[in-house]
Amino acid sequence: MLHADLFVSNQKLVFAHVGAPVLWGVWYIAFAWVMAFRERWVAYPFIDFTLAPAKAFAMHLGLTLVLALFFLLGVQFDTTLHATPTAVRLVAHAALLAAVTKFRQKPFLPHAAAAGTTTTTEKKTI
């Protein structure tokens, strides 16, 4: 989404805004934990609330660092391409999105997998 917004709005990113993706990561982890306790399943193994506290902290810290890293790479990418023609920027943004996007057929649901099912609507009490 960041790349589409950068392309359409022609705004410039700055390195000083690296706190935004870190705060978003913290918010997402908090949201995922609330949903995990409420719905009793997790969508990603690195946000699983049943992990040991030290491992969970490491996974959550890793998630926020990866978000910050991708943001900083996006800033560098945008800074490099900001003065180039629109057509070149469009191709560059599309190529980068294609390079980092992975499509999965089914989401990872550890509790459903343990029960031998792969449906996204089935919930299992822990």
N, C-alpha and C. Protein backbone atom coordinates (compact mmCIF):
# COMPACT_ATOMS: atom_id res chain seq x y z
N MET A 1 0.81 -1.19 0.00
CA MET A 1 0.00 0.00 0.00
C MET A 1 0.86 1.26 0.00
N LEU A 2 1.97 1.19 0.70
CA LEU A 2 2.86 2.35 0.77
C LEU A 2 3.31 2.75 -0.62
N HIS A 3 3.64 1.77 -1.45
CA HIS A 3 4.13 2.09 -2.78
C HIS A 3 3.04 2.71 -3.65
N ALA A 4 1.83 2.21 -3.55
CA ALA A 4 0.72 2.79 -4.31
C ALA A 4 0.49 4.23 -3.86
N ASP A 5 0.53 4.47 -2.55
CA ASP A 5 0.32 5.82 -2.04
C ASP A 5 1.44 6.75 -2.50
N LEU A 6 2.68 6.27 -2.44
CA LEU A 6 3.80 7.10 -2.88
C LEU A 6 3.68 7.45 -4.35
N PHE A 7 3.26 6.49 -5.14
CA PHE A 7 3.16 6.73 -6.57
C PHE A 7 2.05 7.73 -6.89
N VAL A 8 0.90 7.56 -6.26
CA VAL A 8 -0.25 8.42 -6.56
C VAL A 8 -0.08 9.83 -5.98
N SER A 9 0.36 9.92 -4.74
CA SER A 9 0.41 11.23 -4.07
C SER A 9 1.67 12.02 -4.37
N ASN A 10 2.72 11.35 -4.82
CA ASN A 10 4.00 11.98 -5.12
C ASN A 10 4.61 12.66 -3.89
N GLN A 11 4.29 12.13 -2.70
CA GLN A 11 4.90 12.64 -1.48
C GLN A 11 6.28 12.03 -1.30
N LYS A 12 7.07 12.63 -0.45
CA LYS A 12 8.41 12.14 -0.20
C LYS A 12 8.49 11.59 1.23
N LEU A 13 9.04 10.40 1.37
CA LEU A 13 9.26 9.82 2.70
C LEU A 13 10.56 10.34 3.29
N VAL A 14 10.63 10.39 4.62
CA VAL A 14 11.86 10.80 5.29
C VAL A 14 12.22 9.76 6.35
N PHE A 15 13.51 9.62 6.61
CA PHE A 15 13.98 8.64 7.58
C PHE A 15 13.47 8.91 8.99
N ALA A 16 13.18 10.17 9.31
CA ALA A 16 12.73 10.54 10.65
C ALA A 16 11.37 9.92 11.01
N HIS A 17 10.64 9.44 10.04
CA HIS A 17 9.32 8.85 10.30
C HIS A 17 9.38 7.36 10.58
N VAL A 18 10.54 6.82 10.89
CA VAL A 18 10.68 5.38 11.12
C VAL A 18 9.88 4.91 12.35
N GLY A 19 9.54 5.81 13.21
CA GLY A 19 8.74 5.45 14.39
C GLY A 19 7.32 5.02 14.02
N ALA A 20 6.81 5.49 12.90
CA ALA A 20 5.45 5.14 12.49
C ALA A 20 5.26 3.64 12.27
N PRO A 21 6.12 2.96 11.51
CA PRO A 21 5.91 1.52 11.36
C PRO A 21 6.16 0.74 12.65
N VAL A 22 7.03 1.25 13.50
CA VAL A 22 7.27 0.58 14.79
C VAL A 22 6.00 0.67 15.65
N LEU A 23 5.40 1.85 15.72
CA LEU A 23 4.14 2.00 16.46
C LEU A 23 3.03 1.16 15.85
N TRP A 24 2.99 1.09 14.52
CA TRP A 24 1.98 0.27 13.86
C TRP A 24 2.20 -1.20 14.23
N GLY A 25 3.46 -1.65 14.27
CA GLY A 25 3.75 -3.02 14.65
C GLY A 25 3.31 -3.34 16.07
N VAL A 26 3.56 -2.43 16.98
CA VAL A 26 3.13 -2.62 18.38
C VAL A 26 1.61 -2.68 18.45
N TRP A 27 0.94 -1.80 17.73
CA TRP A 27 -0.52 -1.80 17.71
C TRP A 27 -1.04 -3.12 17.12
N TYR A 28 -0.42 -3.58 16.04
CA TYR A 28 -0.87 -4.82 15.40
C TYR A 28 -0.69 -6.02 16.33
N ILE A 29 0.41 -6.06 17.05
CA ILE A 29 0.64 -7.15 18.00
C ILE A 29 -0.41 -7.12 19.10
N ALA A 30 -0.69 -5.94 19.63
CA ALA A 30 -1.72 -5.83 20.67
C ALA A 30 -3.08 -6.27 20.13
N PHE A 31 -3.42 -5.83 18.93
CA PHE A 31 -4.68 -6.23 18.31
C PHE A 31 -4.72 -7.75 18.09
N ALA A 32 -3.63 -8.32 17.60
CA ALA A 32 -3.59 -9.77 17.35
C ALA A 32 -3.74 -10.55 18.65
N TRP A 33 -3.15 -10.07 19.74
CA TRP A 33 -3.28 -10.77 21.01
C TRP A 33 -4.72 -10.70 21.52
N VAL A 34 -5.35 -9.54 21.41
CA VAL A 34 -6.74 -9.42 21.84
C VAL A 34 -7.61 -10.37 21.03
N MET A 35 -7.42 -10.40 19.72
CA MET A 35 -8.20 -11.30 18.87
C MET A 35 -7.89 -12.76 19.17
N ALA A 36 -6.64 -13.06 19.49
CA ALA A 36 -6.27 -14.44 19.81
C ALA A 36 -6.96 -14.91 21.08
N PHE A 37 -6.98 -14.06 22.10
CA PHE A 37 -7.65 -14.44 23.34
C PHE A 37 -9.16 -14.48 23.17
N ARG A 38 -9.68 -13.60 22.34
CA ARG A 38 -11.13 -13.56 22.12
C ARG A 38 -11.60 -14.70 21.22
N GLU A 39 -10.89 -14.93 20.11
CA GLU A 39 -11.30 -15.92 19.12
C GLU A 39 -10.62 -17.28 19.30
N ARG A 40 -9.57 -17.34 20.10
CA ARG A 40 -8.85 -18.58 20.43
C ARG A 40 -8.10 -19.18 19.25
N TRP A 41 -7.63 -18.38 18.32
CA TRP A 41 -6.75 -18.85 17.26
C TRP A 41 -5.88 -17.68 16.79
N VAL A 42 -4.78 -18.00 16.15
CA VAL A 42 -3.87 -16.99 15.63
C VAL A 42 -3.69 -17.18 14.13
N ALA A 43 -3.48 -16.10 13.44
CA ALA A 43 -3.31 -16.16 11.99
C ALA A 43 -1.86 -16.38 11.59
N TYR A 44 -0.92 -16.02 12.44
CA TYR A 44 0.50 -16.15 12.13
C TYR A 44 1.23 -16.82 13.29
N PRO A 45 2.16 -17.72 13.00
CA PRO A 45 2.87 -18.41 14.09
C PRO A 45 3.75 -17.48 14.92
N PHE A 46 4.19 -16.35 14.37
CA PHE A 46 5.05 -15.46 15.13
C PHE A 46 4.27 -14.54 16.08
N ILE A 47 2.93 -14.62 16.08
CA ILE A 47 2.12 -13.85 17.03
C ILE A 47 1.33 -14.80 17.93
N ASP A 48 1.72 -16.04 17.99
CA ASP A 48 1.01 -17.03 18.79
C ASP A 48 1.17 -16.72 20.27
N PHE A 49 0.06 -16.55 20.96
CA PHE A 49 0.10 -16.18 22.38
C PHE A 49 0.46 -17.34 23.29
N THR A 50 0.58 -18.55 22.74
CA THR A 50 0.96 -19.69 23.57
C THR A 50 2.47 -19.89 23.63
N LEU A 51 3.25 -19.07 22.95
CA LEU A 51 4.70 -19.17 22.98
C LEU A 51 5.24 -18.79 24.36
N ALA A 52 6.43 -19.27 24.68
CA ALA A 52 7.10 -18.86 25.91
C ALA A 52 7.33 -17.35 25.86
N PRO A 53 7.26 -16.65 27.00
CA PRO A 53 7.39 -15.19 26.99
C PRO A 53 8.65 -14.67 26.30
N ALA A 54 9.79 -15.30 26.53
CA ALA A 54 11.03 -14.83 25.90
C ALA A 54 10.97 -15.01 24.38
N LYS A 55 10.43 -16.13 23.93
CA LYS A 55 10.32 -16.36 22.49
C LYS A 55 9.30 -15.42 21.87
N ALA A 56 8.19 -15.20 22.56
CA ALA A 56 7.17 -14.29 22.06
C ALA A 56 7.73 -12.87 21.93
N PHE A 57 8.47 -12.43 22.95
CA PHE A 57 9.08 -11.10 22.92
C PHE A 57 10.04 -10.98 21.74
N ALA A 58 10.86 -12.01 21.54
CA ALA A 58 11.80 -11.99 20.42
C ALA A 58 11.08 -11.94 19.08
N MET A 59 10.00 -12.71 18.95
CA MET A 59 9.23 -12.71 17.70
C MET A 59 8.58 -11.35 17.47
N HIS A 60 8.02 -10.76 18.51
CA HIS A 60 7.36 -9.46 18.37
C HIS A 60 8.36 -8.36 18.08
N LEU A 61 9.51 -8.41 18.74
CA LEU A 61 10.56 -7.45 18.46
C LEU A 61 11.05 -7.60 17.02
N GLY A 62 11.19 -8.84 16.59
CA GLY A 62 11.60 -9.09 15.21
C GLY A 62 10.60 -8.54 14.21
N LEU A 63 9.33 -8.70 14.50
CA LEU A 63 8.28 -8.17 13.61
C LEU A 63 8.40 -6.65 13.48
N THR A 64 8.55 -5.96 14.60
CA THR A 64 8.64 -4.50 14.54
C THR A 64 9.92 -4.05 13.84
N LEU A 65 11.00 -4.79 14.04
CA LEU A 65 12.25 -4.45 13.35
C LEU A 65 12.14 -4.68 11.85
N VAL A 66 11.47 -5.74 11.45
CA VAL A 66 11.28 -6.00 10.01
C VAL A 66 10.41 -4.89 9.40
N LEU A 67 9.37 -4.47 10.10
CA LEU A 67 8.54 -3.37 9.60
C LEU A 67 9.37 -2.09 9.44
N ALA A 68 10.21 -1.80 10.44
CA ALA A 68 11.07 -0.62 10.37
C ALA A 68 12.07 -0.75 9.22
N LEU A 69 12.64 -1.93 9.04
CA LEU A 69 13.59 -2.15 7.95
C LEU A 69 12.92 -1.95 6.59
N PHE A 70 11.74 -2.53 6.40
CA PHE A 70 11.02 -2.34 5.13
C PHE A 70 10.69 -0.87 4.91
N PHE A 71 10.33 -0.16 5.97
CA PHE A 71 10.05 1.27 5.83
C PHE A 71 11.31 2.01 5.39
N LEU A 72 12.44 1.73 6.04
CA LEU A 72 13.69 2.40 5.70
C LEU A 72 14.12 2.08 4.27
N LEU A 73 13.93 0.83 3.85
CA LEU A 73 14.23 0.47 2.46
C LEU A 73 13.30 1.22 1.51
N GLY A 74 12.03 1.36 1.91
CA GLY A 74 11.08 2.13 1.10
C GLY A 74 11.48 3.59 1.00
N VAL A 75 12.00 4.16 2.09
CA VAL A 75 12.47 5.55 2.07
C VAL A 75 13.63 5.67 1.09
N GLN A 76 14.57 4.74 1.17
CA GLN A 76 15.72 4.79 0.26
C GLN A 76 15.27 4.62 -1.19
N PHE A 77 14.37 3.69 -1.43
CA PHE A 77 13.84 3.45 -2.76
C PHE A 77 13.14 4.70 -3.29
N ASP A 78 12.30 5.31 -2.46
CA ASP A 78 11.57 6.50 -2.87
C ASP A 78 12.51 7.68 -3.10
N THR A 79 13.50 7.84 -2.24
CA THR A 79 14.45 8.93 -2.39
C THR A 79 15.22 8.80 -3.70
N THR A 80 15.59 7.57 -4.04
CA THR A 80 16.33 7.33 -5.27
C THR A 80 15.48 7.62 -6.50
N LEU A 81 14.21 7.26 -6.47
CA LEU A 81 13.35 7.39 -7.65
C LEU A 81 12.53 8.67 -7.72
N HIS A 82 12.60 9.50 -6.71
CA HIS A 82 11.67 10.64 -6.62
C HIS A 82 11.73 11.57 -7.83
N ALA A 83 12.89 11.77 -8.40
CA ALA A 83 13.02 12.72 -9.51
C ALA A 83 12.91 12.05 -10.89
N THR A 84 12.66 10.77 -10.93
CA THR A 84 12.58 10.07 -12.22
C THR A 84 11.20 10.25 -12.84
N PRO A 85 11.09 10.01 -14.14
CA PRO A 85 9.77 10.14 -14.80
C PRO A 85 8.74 9.17 -14.23
N THR A 86 7.48 9.53 -14.37
CA THR A 86 6.37 8.76 -13.81
C THR A 86 6.35 7.32 -14.30
N ALA A 87 6.57 7.11 -15.58
CA ALA A 87 6.53 5.75 -16.15
C ALA A 87 7.61 4.88 -15.52
N VAL A 88 8.78 5.41 -15.31
CA VAL A 88 9.88 4.65 -14.70
C VAL A 88 9.54 4.31 -13.26
N ARG A 89 8.98 5.29 -12.53
CA ARG A 89 8.59 5.04 -11.14
C ARG A 89 7.51 3.97 -11.06
N LEU A 90 6.54 4.01 -11.98
CA LEU A 90 5.47 3.01 -11.99
C LEU A 90 6.03 1.60 -12.17
N VAL A 91 6.92 1.44 -13.12
CA VAL A 91 7.52 0.13 -13.38
C VAL A 91 8.37 -0.31 -12.18
N ALA A 92 9.12 0.61 -11.60
CA ALA A 92 9.98 0.28 -10.46
C ALA A 92 9.13 -0.13 -9.24
N HIS A 93 8.07 0.61 -8.97
CA HIS A 93 7.20 0.26 -7.84
C HIS A 93 6.51 -1.08 -8.08
N ALA A 94 6.04 -1.32 -9.29
CA ALA A 94 5.39 -2.60 -9.61
C ALA A 94 6.37 -3.75 -9.48
N ALA A 95 7.60 -3.56 -9.94
CA ALA A 95 8.61 -4.62 -9.85
C ALA A 95 8.95 -4.92 -8.39
N LEU A 96 9.08 -3.88 -7.57
CA LEU A 96 9.38 -4.10 -6.15
C LEU A 96 8.23 -4.81 -5.45
N LEU A 97 7.00 -4.41 -5.74
CA LEU A 97 5.85 -5.08 -5.14
C LEU A 97 5.78 -6.54 -5.56
N ALA A 98 6.05 -6.83 -6.81
CA ALA A 98 6.05 -8.22 -7.28
C ALA A 98 7.15 -9.03 -6.61
N ALA A 99 8.27 -8.38 -6.32
CA ALA A 99 9.40 -9.09 -5.70
C ALA A 99 9.14 -9.46 -4.24
N VAL A 100 8.38 -8.64 -3.53
CA VAL A 100 8.19 -8.89 -2.09
C VAL A 100 6.83 -9.48 -1.74
N THR A 101 5.96 -9.67 -2.72
CA THR A 101 4.63 -10.19 -2.44
C THR A 101 4.61 -11.70 -2.62
N LYS A 102 4.02 -12.37 -1.65
CA LYS A 102 3.87 -13.82 -1.72
C LYS A 102 2.40 -14.14 -1.46
N PHE A 103 1.82 -14.92 -2.33
CA PHE A 103 0.43 -15.31 -2.16
C PHE A 103 0.37 -16.73 -1.62
N ARG A 104 -0.43 -16.92 -0.59
CA ARG A 104 -0.61 -18.24 0.01
C ARG A 104 -2.02 -18.71 -0.27
N GLN A 105 -2.18 -20.01 -0.40
CA GLN A 105 -3.51 -20.54 -0.63
C GLN A 105 -4.35 -20.53 0.63
N LYS A 106 -3.79 -20.92 1.75
CA LYS A 106 -4.54 -20.99 3.00
C LYS A 106 -3.72 -20.35 4.11
N PRO A 107 -4.36 -19.62 5.02
CA PRO A 107 -3.62 -19.03 6.13
C PRO A 107 -3.19 -20.10 7.13
N PHE A 108 -2.16 -19.77 7.89
CA PHE A 108 -1.66 -20.68 8.91
C PHE A 108 -2.53 -20.58 10.15
N LEU A 109 -3.17 -21.67 10.52
CA LEU A 109 -3.98 -21.72 11.74
C LEU A 109 -3.50 -22.90 12.58
N PRO A 110 -2.61 -22.64 13.55
CA PRO A 110 -2.02 -23.76 14.29
C PRO A 110 -3.04 -24.63 15.02
N HIS A 111 -4.09 -24.03 15.54
CA HIS A 111 -5.06 -24.82 16.29
C HIS A 111 -5.91 -25.68 15.35
N ALA A 112 -6.25 -25.12 14.18
CA ALA A 112 -7.01 -25.91 13.20
C ALA A 112 -6.13 -27.01 12.62
N ALA A 113 -4.85 -26.71 12.42
CA ALA A 113 -3.93 -27.72 11.89
C ALA A 113 -3.77 -28.87 12.89
N ALA A 114 -3.72 -28.54 14.17
CA ALA A 114 -3.59 -29.58 15.20
C ALA A 114 -4.82 -30.47 15.24
N ALA A 115 -5.97 -29.90 14.88
CA ALA A 115 -7.21 -30.67 14.88
C ALA A 115 -7.40 -31.44 13.57
N GLY A 116 -6.48 -31.21 12.61
CA GLY A 116 -6.56 -31.91 11.34
C GLY A 116 -7.44 -31.23 10.31
N THR A 117 -7.80 -29.96 10.55
CA THR A 117 -8.60 -29.22 9.59
C THR A 117 -7.83 -28.00 9.11
N THR A 118 -8.28 -27.38 8.05
CA THR A 118 -7.62 -26.18 7.54
C THR A 118 -8.61 -25.06 7.28
N THR A 119 -9.80 -25.15 7.84
CA THR A 119 -10.78 -24.10 7.60
C THR A 119 -10.45 -22.87 8.42
N THR A 120 -10.81 -21.71 7.91
CA THR A 120 -10.53 -20.46 8.63
C THR A 120 -11.65 -20.11 9.60
N THR A 121 -12.80 -20.79 9.50
CA THR A 121 -13.92 -20.43 10.38
C THR A 121 -13.99 -21.32 11.63
N GLU A 122 -13.30 -22.42 11.61
CA GLU A 122 -13.35 -23.33 12.75
C GLU A 122 -12.44 -22.84 13.87
N LYS A 123 -12.93 -22.80 15.07
CA LYS A 123 -12.16 -22.37 16.23
C LYS A 123 -12.09 -23.50 17.23
N LYS A 124 -10.95 -23.61 17.85
CA LYS A 124 -10.76 -24.66 18.83
C LYS A 124 -10.36 -24.03 20.15
N THR A 125 -11.00 -24.40 21.22
CA THR A 125 -10.68 -23.89 22.52
C THR A 125 -9.39 -24.50 23.01
N ILE A 126 -8.58 -23.66 23.60
CA ILE A 126 -7.28 -24.14 24.11
C ILE A 126 -7.43 -24.62 25.52
